[in-house]
Amino acid sequence: MKSFDLVVTDYNMPEVNGRELTQYIRVQSQQSHIPVLMVTSESSETHLANIEQDGAHALCDKPFEPQFIKKLLFQLLEH
């Protein structure tokens, strides 16, 4: 089994969306504790709250600044 330190995913993907992926990681994976950074262009507050409720550790709006992503990654990997 491969082990990962972090998952970076987009919300909108062809086969499974980021929310479904995060739910899978939290409930069915061997690494349910792994930090998840979700990138999204969604603007609905309810939608964004659902993503966080499902276990994403951080959300990042598109477009984003590289320095902001760098800061988020350092914060996520410190824990």
PDB file of N, CA and C in Angstrom:
ATOM      1  N   MET A   1       0.836  -1.188   0.000  1.00  0.00           N
ATOM      2  CA  MET A   1       0.000   0.000   0.000  1.00  0.00           C
ATOM      3  C   MET A   1       0.880   1.249   0.000  1.00  0.00           C
ATOM      4  N   LYS A   2       0.550   2.205  -0.843  1.00  0.00           N
ATOM      5  CA  LYS A   2       1.265   3.481  -0.880  1.00  0.00           C
ATOM      6  C   LYS A   2       0.716   4.391   0.202  1.00  0.00           C
ATOM      7  N   SER A   3       1.597   5.171   0.770  1.00  0.00           N
ATOM      8  CA  SER A   3       1.220   6.125   1.795  1.00  0.00           C
ATOM      9  C   SER A   3       1.439   7.539   1.257  1.00  0.00           C
ATOM     10  N   PHE A   4       0.549   8.443   1.592  1.00  0.00           N
ATOM     11  CA  PHE A   4       0.620   9.814   1.115  1.00  0.00           C
ATOM     12  C   PHE A   4       0.618  10.772   2.298  1.00  0.00           C
ATOM     13  N   ASP A   5       1.201  11.961   2.092  1.00  0.00           N
ATOM     14  CA  ASP A   5       1.234  12.986   3.122  1.00  0.00           C
ATOM     15  C   ASP A   5       0.123  14.012   2.963  1.00  0.00           C
ATOM     16  N   LEU A   6      -0.419  14.123   1.749  1.00  0.00           N
ATOM     17  CA  LEU A   6      -1.377  15.172   1.447  1.00  0.00           C
ATOM     18  C   LEU A   6      -2.125  14.825   0.163  1.00  0.00           C
ATOM     19  N   VAL A   7      -3.403  15.198   0.104  1.00  0.00           N
ATOM     20  CA  VAL A   7      -4.182  15.079  -1.130  1.00  0.00           C
ATOM     21  C   VAL A   7      -4.563  16.492  -1.564  1.00  0.00           C
ATOM     22  N   VAL A   8      -4.232  16.823  -2.805  1.00  0.00           N
ATOM     23  CA  VAL A   8      -4.661  18.082  -3.416  1.00  0.00           C
ATOM     24  C   VAL A   8      -5.584  17.694  -4.559  1.00  0.00           C
ATOM     25  N   THR A   9      -6.822  18.171  -4.509  1.00  0.00           N
ATOM     26  CA  THR A   9      -7.805  17.773  -5.501  1.00  0.00           C
ATOM     27  C   THR A   9      -8.677  18.946  -5.902  1.00  0.00           C
ATOM     28  N   ASP A  10      -9.218  18.859  -7.086  1.00  0.00           N
ATOM     29  CA  ASP A  10     -10.199  19.828  -7.561  1.00  0.00           C
ATOM     30  C   ASP A  10     -11.574  19.309  -7.159  1.00  0.00           C
ATOM     31  N   TYR A  11     -12.520  20.199  -7.018  1.00  0.00           N
ATOM     32  CA  TYR A  11     -13.875  19.746  -6.739  1.00  0.00           C
ATOM     33  C   TYR A  11     -14.487  19.100  -7.981  1.00  0.00           C
ATOM     34  N   ASN A  12     -14.343  19.739  -9.121  1.00  0.00           N
ATOM     35  CA  ASN A  12     -14.966  19.268 -10.359  1.00  0.00           C
ATOM     36  C   ASN A  12     -14.016  18.355 -11.123  1.00  0.00           C
ATOM     37  N   MET A  13     -14.337  17.063 -11.119  1.00  0.00           N
ATOM     38  CA  MET A  13     -13.552  16.067 -11.851  1.00  0.00           C
ATOM     39  C   MET A  13     -14.517  15.166 -12.607  1.00  0.00           C
ATOM     40  N   PRO A  14     -14.051  14.460 -13.631  1.00  0.00           N
ATOM     41  CA  PRO A  14     -14.956  13.704 -14.500  1.00  0.00           C
ATOM     42  C   PRO A  14     -15.632  12.485 -13.870  1.00  0.00           C
ATOM     43  N   GLU A  15     -14.929  11.654 -13.157  1.00  0.00           N
ATOM     44  CA  GLU A  15     -15.518  10.401 -12.658  1.00  0.00           C
ATOM     45  C   GLU A  15     -16.126  10.525 -11.266  1.00  0.00           C
ATOM     46  N   VAL A  16     -15.478  11.278 -10.418  1.00  0.00           N
ATOM     47  CA  VAL A  16     -15.919  11.456  -9.040  1.00  0.00           C
ATOM     48  C   VAL A  16     -15.567  12.888  -8.641  1.00  0.00           C
ATOM     49  N   ASN A  17     -16.451  13.560  -7.922  1.00  0.00           N
ATOM     50  CA  ASN A  17     -16.106  14.935  -7.552  1.00  0.00           C
ATOM     51  C   ASN A  17     -15.263  14.945  -6.275  1.00  0.00           C
ATOM     52  N   GLY A  18     -14.705  16.088  -5.964  1.00  0.00           N
ATOM     53  CA  GLY A  18     -13.821  16.205  -4.814  1.00  0.00           C
ATOM     54  C   GLY A  18     -14.501  15.887  -3.498  1.00  0.00           C
ATOM     55  N   ARG A  19     -15.768  16.204  -3.398  1.00  0.00           N
ATOM     56  CA  ARG A  19     -16.504  15.900  -2.166  1.00  0.00           C
ATOM     57  C   ARG A  19     -16.626  14.390  -1.982  1.00  0.00           C
ATOM     58  N   GLU A  20     -16.931  13.672  -3.049  1.00  0.00           N
ATOM     59  CA  GLU A  20     -17.021  12.209  -2.983  1.00  0.00           C
ATOM     60  C   GLU A  20     -15.660  11.589  -2.667  1.00  0.00           C
ATOM     61  N   LEU A  21     -14.602  12.139  -3.249  1.00  0.00           N
ATOM     62  CA  LEU A  21     -13.256  11.651  -2.965  1.00  0.00           C
ATOM     63  C   LEU A  21     -12.917  11.852  -1.490  1.00  0.00           C
ATOM     64  N   THR A  22     -13.221  13.025  -0.959  1.00  0.00           N
ATOM     65  CA  THR A  22     -12.945  13.310   0.448  1.00  0.00           C
ATOM     66  C   THR A  22     -13.747  12.372   1.352  1.00  0.00           C
ATOM     67  N   GLN A  23     -15.003  12.124   1.029  1.00  0.00           N
ATOM     68  CA  GLN A  23     -15.816  11.186   1.810  1.00  0.00           C
ATOM     69  C   GLN A  23     -15.195   9.792   1.791  1.00  0.00           C
ATOM     70  N   TYR A  24     -14.719   9.361   0.635  1.00  0.00           N
ATOM     71  CA  TYR A  24     -14.075   8.055   0.525  1.00  0.00           C
ATOM     72  C   TYR A  24     -12.827   7.994   1.419  1.00  0.00           C
ATOM     73  N   ILE A  25     -12.012   9.036   1.344  1.00  0.00           N
ATOM     74  CA  ILE A  25     -10.791   9.067   2.152  1.00  0.00           C
ATOM     75  C   ILE A  25     -11.125   8.981   3.635  1.00  0.00           C
ATOM     76  N   ARG A  26     -12.110   9.731   4.081  1.00  0.00           N
ATOM     77  CA  ARG A  26     -12.461   9.775   5.502  1.00  0.00           C
ATOM     78  C   ARG A  26     -13.093   8.469   6.004  1.00  0.00           C
ATOM     79  N   VAL A  27     -13.846   7.796   5.164  1.00  0.00           N
ATOM     80  CA  VAL A  27     -14.617   6.630   5.623  1.00  0.00           C
ATOM     81  C   VAL A  27     -13.977   5.298   5.254  1.00  0.00           C
ATOM     82  N   GLN A  28     -13.382   5.187   4.065  1.00  0.00           N
ATOM     83  CA  GLN A  28     -12.977   3.875   3.566  1.00  0.00           C
ATOM     84  C   GLN A  28     -11.477   3.673   3.395  1.00  0.00           C
ATOM     85  N   SER A  29     -10.672   4.710   3.459  1.00  0.00           N
ATOM     86  CA  SER A  29      -9.246   4.540   3.178  1.00  0.00           C
ATOM     87  C   SER A  29      -8.471   4.156   4.431  1.00  0.00           C
ATOM     88  N   GLN A  30      -7.265   3.667   4.220  1.00  0.00           N
ATOM     89  CA  GLN A  30      -6.360   3.338   5.312  1.00  0.00           C
ATOM     90  C   GLN A  30      -5.727   4.600   5.908  1.00  0.00           C
ATOM     91  N   GLN A  31      -5.868   5.722   5.230  1.00  0.00           N
ATOM     92  CA  GLN A  31      -5.280   6.984   5.678  1.00  0.00           C
ATOM     93  C   GLN A  31      -6.366   8.044   5.895  1.00  0.00           C
ATOM     94  N   SER A  32      -7.324   7.745   6.710  1.00  0.00           N
ATOM     95  CA  SER A  32      -8.448   8.655   6.900  1.00  0.00           C
ATOM     96  C   SER A  32      -8.036   9.989   7.528  1.00  0.00           C
ATOM     97  N   HIS A  33      -6.850  10.054   8.088  1.00  0.00           N
ATOM     98  CA  HIS A  33      -6.356  11.264   8.751  1.00  0.00           C
ATOM     99  C   HIS A  33      -5.656  12.238   7.800  1.00  0.00           C
ATOM    100  N   ILE A  34      -5.397  11.822   6.582  1.00  0.00           N
ATOM    101  CA  ILE A  34      -4.587  12.609   5.650  1.00  0.00           C
ATOM    102  C   ILE A  34      -5.235  13.971   5.355  1.00  0.00           C
ATOM    103  N   PRO A  35      -4.440  15.047   5.336  1.00  0.00           N
ATOM    104  CA  PRO A  35      -5.003  16.358   5.007  1.00  0.00           C
ATOM    105  C   PRO A  35      -5.454  16.419   3.544  1.00  0.00           C
ATOM    106  N   VAL A  36      -6.572  17.106   3.315  1.00  0.00           N
ATOM    107  CA  VAL A  36      -7.111  17.278   1.965  1.00  0.00           C
ATOM    108  C   VAL A  36      -7.233  18.768   1.684  1.00  0.00           C
ATOM    109  N   LEU A  37      -6.599  19.197   0.587  1.00  0.00           N
ATOM    110  CA  LEU A  37      -6.727  20.568   0.093  1.00  0.00           C
ATOM    111  C   LEU A  37      -7.607  20.516  -1.144  1.00  0.00           C
ATOM    112  N   MET A  38      -8.741  21.182  -1.077  1.00  0.00           N
ATOM    113  CA  MET A  38      -9.700  21.193  -2.181  1.00  0.00           C
ATOM    114  C   MET A  38      -9.611  22.521  -2.921  1.00  0.00           C
ATOM    115  N   VAL A  39      -9.423  22.445  -4.227  1.00  0.00           N
ATOM    116  CA  VAL A  39      -9.408  23.623  -5.093  1.00  0.00           C
ATOM    117  C   VAL A  39     -10.764  23.679  -5.789  1.00  0.00           C
ATOM    118  N   THR A  40     -11.388  24.849  -5.785  1.00  0.00           N
ATOM    119  CA  THR A  40     -12.726  24.942  -6.363  1.00  0.00           C
ATOM    120  C   THR A  40     -13.014  26.339  -6.894  1.00  0.00           C
ATOM    121  N   SER A  41     -13.906  26.397  -7.850  1.00  0.00           N
ATOM    122  CA  SER A  41     -14.413  27.685  -8.338  1.00  0.00           C
ATOM    123  C   SER A  41     -15.850  27.886  -7.876  1.00  0.00           C
ATOM    124  N   GLU A  42     -16.347  26.981  -7.045  1.00  0.00           N
ATOM    125  CA  GLU A  42     -17.709  27.085  -6.521  1.00  0.00           C
ATOM    126  C   GLU A  42     -17.824  28.319  -5.623  1.00  0.00           C
ATOM    127  N   SER A  43     -18.988  28.959  -5.638  1.00  0.00           N
ATOM    128  CA  SER A  43     -19.164  30.162  -4.828  1.00  0.00           C
ATOM    129  C   SER A  43     -20.307  30.051  -3.820  1.00  0.00           C
ATOM    130  N   SER A  44     -21.079  28.992  -3.884  1.00  0.00           N
ATOM    131  CA  SER A  44     -22.196  28.814  -2.964  1.00  0.00           C
ATOM    132  C   SER A  44     -21.685  28.540  -1.549  1.00  0.00           C
ATOM    133  N   GLU A  45     -22.098  29.364  -0.589  1.00  0.00           N
ATOM    134  CA  GLU A  45     -21.666  29.181   0.800  1.00  0.00           C
ATOM    135  C   GLU A  45     -22.108  27.823   1.350  1.00  0.00           C
ATOM    136  N   THR A  46     -23.319  27.391   0.995  1.00  0.00           N
ATOM    137  CA  THR A  46     -23.819  26.090   1.444  1.00  0.00           C
ATOM    138  C   THR A  46     -22.961  24.974   0.872  1.00  0.00           C
ATOM    139  N   HIS A  47     -22.656  25.085  -0.395  1.00  0.00           N
ATOM    140  CA  HIS A  47     -21.835  24.085  -1.066  1.00  0.00           C
ATOM    141  C   HIS A  47     -20.450  23.996  -0.422  1.00  0.00           C
ATOM    142  N   LEU A  48     -19.841  25.144  -0.167  1.00  0.00           N
ATOM    143  CA  LEU A  48     -18.520  25.177   0.453  1.00  0.00           C
ATOM    144  C   LEU A  48     -18.561  24.628   1.876  1.00  0.00           C
ATOM    145  N   ALA A  49     -19.618  24.917   2.608  1.00  0.00           N
ATOM    146  CA  ALA A  49     -19.751  24.383   3.964  1.00  0.00           C
ATOM    147  C   ALA A  49     -19.869  22.862   3.939  1.00  0.00           C
ATOM    148  N   ASN A  50     -20.566  22.321   2.952  1.00  0.00           N
ATOM    149  CA  ASN A  50     -20.688  20.863   2.826  1.00  0.00           C
ATOM    150  C   ASN A  50     -19.335  20.214   2.565  1.00  0.00           C
ATOM    151  N   ILE A  51     -18.511  20.851   1.757  1.00  0.00           N
ATOM    152  CA  ILE A  51     -17.179  20.326   1.472  1.00  0.00           C
ATOM    153  C   ILE A  51     -16.361  20.268   2.757  1.00  0.00           C
ATOM    154  N   GLU A  52     -16.392  21.329   3.541  1.00  0.00           N
ATOM    155  CA  GLU A  52     -15.654  21.349   4.805  1.00  0.00           C
ATOM    156  C   GLU A  52     -16.203  20.317   5.778  1.00  0.00           C
ATOM    157  N   GLN A  53     -17.517  20.169   5.822  1.00  0.00           N
ATOM    158  CA  GLN A  53     -18.157  19.199   6.712  1.00  0.00           C
ATOM    159  C   GLN A  53     -17.734  17.769   6.353  1.00  0.00           C
ATOM    160  N   ASP A  54     -17.469  17.506   5.090  1.00  0.00           N
ATOM    161  CA  ASP A  54     -17.053  16.177   4.652  1.00  0.00           C
ATOM    162  C   ASP A  54     -15.592  15.879   4.947  1.00  0.00           C
ATOM    163  N   GLY A  55     -14.847  16.871   5.419  1.00  0.00           N
ATOM    164  CA  GLY A  55     -13.500  16.588   5.870  1.00  0.00           C
ATOM    165  C   GLY A  55     -12.361  17.231   5.127  1.00  0.00           C
ATOM    166  N   ALA A  56     -12.631  18.155   4.228  1.00  0.00           N
ATOM    167  CA  ALA A  56     -11.524  18.876   3.594  1.00  0.00           C
ATOM    168  C   ALA A  56     -10.906  19.798   4.645  1.00  0.00           C
ATOM    169  N   HIS A  57      -9.586  19.788   4.731  1.00  0.00           N
ATOM    170  CA  HIS A  57      -8.897  20.617   5.717  1.00  0.00           C
ATOM    171  C   HIS A  57      -8.769  22.066   5.265  1.00  0.00           C
ATOM    172  N   ALA A  58      -8.743  22.279   3.949  1.00  0.00           N
ATOM    173  CA  ALA A  58      -8.583  23.633   3.431  1.00  0.00           C
ATOM    174  C   ALA A  58      -9.259  23.739   2.069  1.00  0.00           C
ATOM    175  N   LEU A  59      -9.793  24.914   1.796  1.00  0.00           N
ATOM    176  CA  LEU A  59     -10.398  25.221   0.503  1.00  0.00           C
ATOM    177  C   LEU A  59      -9.637  26.367  -0.129  1.00  0.00           C
ATOM    178  N   CYS A  60      -9.473  26.282  -1.424  1.00  0.00           N
ATOM    179  CA  CYS A  60      -8.774  27.335  -2.154  1.00  0.00           C
ATOM    180  C   CYS A  60      -9.591  27.687  -3.392  1.00  0.00           C
ATOM    181  N   ASP A  61      -9.925  28.971  -3.512  1.00  0.00           N
ATOM    182  CA  ASP A  61     -10.685  29.444  -4.677  1.00  0.00           C
ATOM    183  C   ASP A  61      -9.773  29.584  -5.885  1.00  0.00           C
ATOM    184  N   LYS A  62     -10.354  29.337  -7.062  1.00  0.00           N
ATOM    185  CA  LYS A  62      -9.658  29.602  -8.319  1.00  0.00           C
ATOM    186  C   LYS A  62     -10.079  30.976  -8.815  1.00  0.00           C
ATOM    187  N   PRO A  63      -9.235  31.717  -9.437  1.00  0.00           N
ATOM    188  CA  PRO A  63      -7.789  31.488  -9.553  1.00  0.00           C
ATOM    189  C   PRO A  63      -7.122  31.779  -8.216  1.00  0.00           C
ATOM    190  N   PHE A  64      -5.936  31.238  -8.006  1.00  0.00           N
ATOM    191  CA  PHE A  64      -5.244  31.424  -6.740  1.00  0.00           C
ATOM    192  C   PHE A  64      -3.808  31.873  -6.981  1.00  0.00           C
ATOM    193  N   GLU A  65      -3.261  32.478  -5.963  1.00  0.00           N
ATOM    194  CA  GLU A  65      -1.883  32.947  -6.013  1.00  0.00           C
ATOM    195  C   GLU A  65      -0.960  31.848  -5.500  1.00  0.00           C
ATOM    196  N   PRO A  66       0.151  31.607  -6.156  1.00  0.00           N
ATOM    197  CA  PRO A  66       1.095  30.570  -5.719  1.00  0.00           C
ATOM    198  C   PRO A  66       1.541  30.737  -4.264  1.00  0.00           C
ATOM    199  N   GLN A  67       1.733  31.961  -3.816  1.00  0.00           N
ATOM    200  CA  GLN A  67       2.166  32.181  -2.431  1.00  0.00           C
ATOM    201  C   GLN A  67       1.100  31.723  -1.435  1.00  0.00           C
ATOM    202  N   PHE A  68      -0.166  31.914  -1.788  1.00  0.00           N
ATOM    203  CA  PHE A  68      -1.257  31.473  -0.917  1.00  0.00           C
ATOM    204  C   PHE A  68      -1.263  29.951  -0.808  1.00  0.00           C
ATOM    205  N   ILE A  69      -1.090  29.268  -1.930  1.00  0.00           N
ATOM    206  CA  ILE A  69      -1.040  27.802  -1.927  1.00  0.00           C
ATOM    207  C   ILE A  69       0.155  27.318  -1.119  1.00  0.00           C
ATOM    208  N   LYS A  70       1.278  27.957  -1.292  1.00  0.00           N
ATOM    209  CA  LYS A  70       2.487  27.583  -0.543  1.00  0.00           C
ATOM    210  C   LYS A  70       2.236  27.687   0.960  1.00  0.00           C
ATOM    211  N   LYS A  71       1.607  28.773   1.381  1.00  0.00           N
ATOM    212  CA  LYS A  71       1.293  28.973   2.801  1.00  0.00           C
ATOM    213  C   LYS A  71       0.350  27.875   3.300  1.00  0.00           C
ATOM    214  N   LEU A  72      -0.696  27.584   2.531  1.00  0.00           N
ATOM    215  CA  LEU A  72      -1.640  26.523   2.916  1.00  0.00           C
ATOM    216  C   LEU A  72      -0.945  25.165   3.040  1.00  0.00           C
ATOM    217  N   LEU A  73      -0.089  24.853   2.079  1.00  0.00           N
ATOM    218  CA  LEU A  73       0.621  23.570   2.108  1.00  0.00           C
ATOM    219  C   LEU A  73       1.504  23.437   3.340  1.00  0.00           C
ATOM    220  N   PHE A  74       2.223  24.483   3.668  1.00  0.00           N
ATOM    221  CA  PHE A  74       3.057  24.447   4.872  1.00  0.00           C
ATOM    222  C   PHE A  74       2.206  24.243   6.126  1.00  0.00           C
ATOM    223  N   GLN A  75       1.070  24.925   6.204  1.00  0.00           N
ATOM    224  CA  GLN A  75       0.188  24.772   7.369  1.00  0.00           C
ATOM    225  C   GLN A  75      -0.350  23.344   7.464  1.00  0.00           C
ATOM    226  N   LEU A  76      -0.782  22.788   6.335  1.00  0.00           N
ATOM    227  CA  LEU A  76      -1.342  21.446   6.335  1.00  0.00           C
ATOM    228  C   LEU A  76      -0.313  20.386   6.690  1.00  0.00           C
ATOM    229  N   LEU A  77       0.897  20.542   6.210  1.00  0.00           N
ATOM    230  CA  LEU A  77       1.928  19.535   6.433  1.00  0.00           C
ATOM    231  C   LEU A  77       2.587  19.644   7.801  1.00  0.00           C
ATOM    232  N   GLU A  78       2.416  20.761   8.486  1.00  0.00           N
ATOM    233  CA  GLU A  78       2.945  20.906   9.844  1.00  0.00           C
ATOM    234  C   GLU A  78       2.171  20.069  10.848  1.00  0.00           C
ATOM    235  N   HIS A  79       0.919  19.809  10.563  1.00  0.00           N
ATOM    236  CA  HIS A  79       0.069  19.075  11.513  1.00  0.00           C
ATOM    237  C   HIS A  79       0.351  17.643  11.407  1.00  0.00           C
TER     238      HIS A  79
END
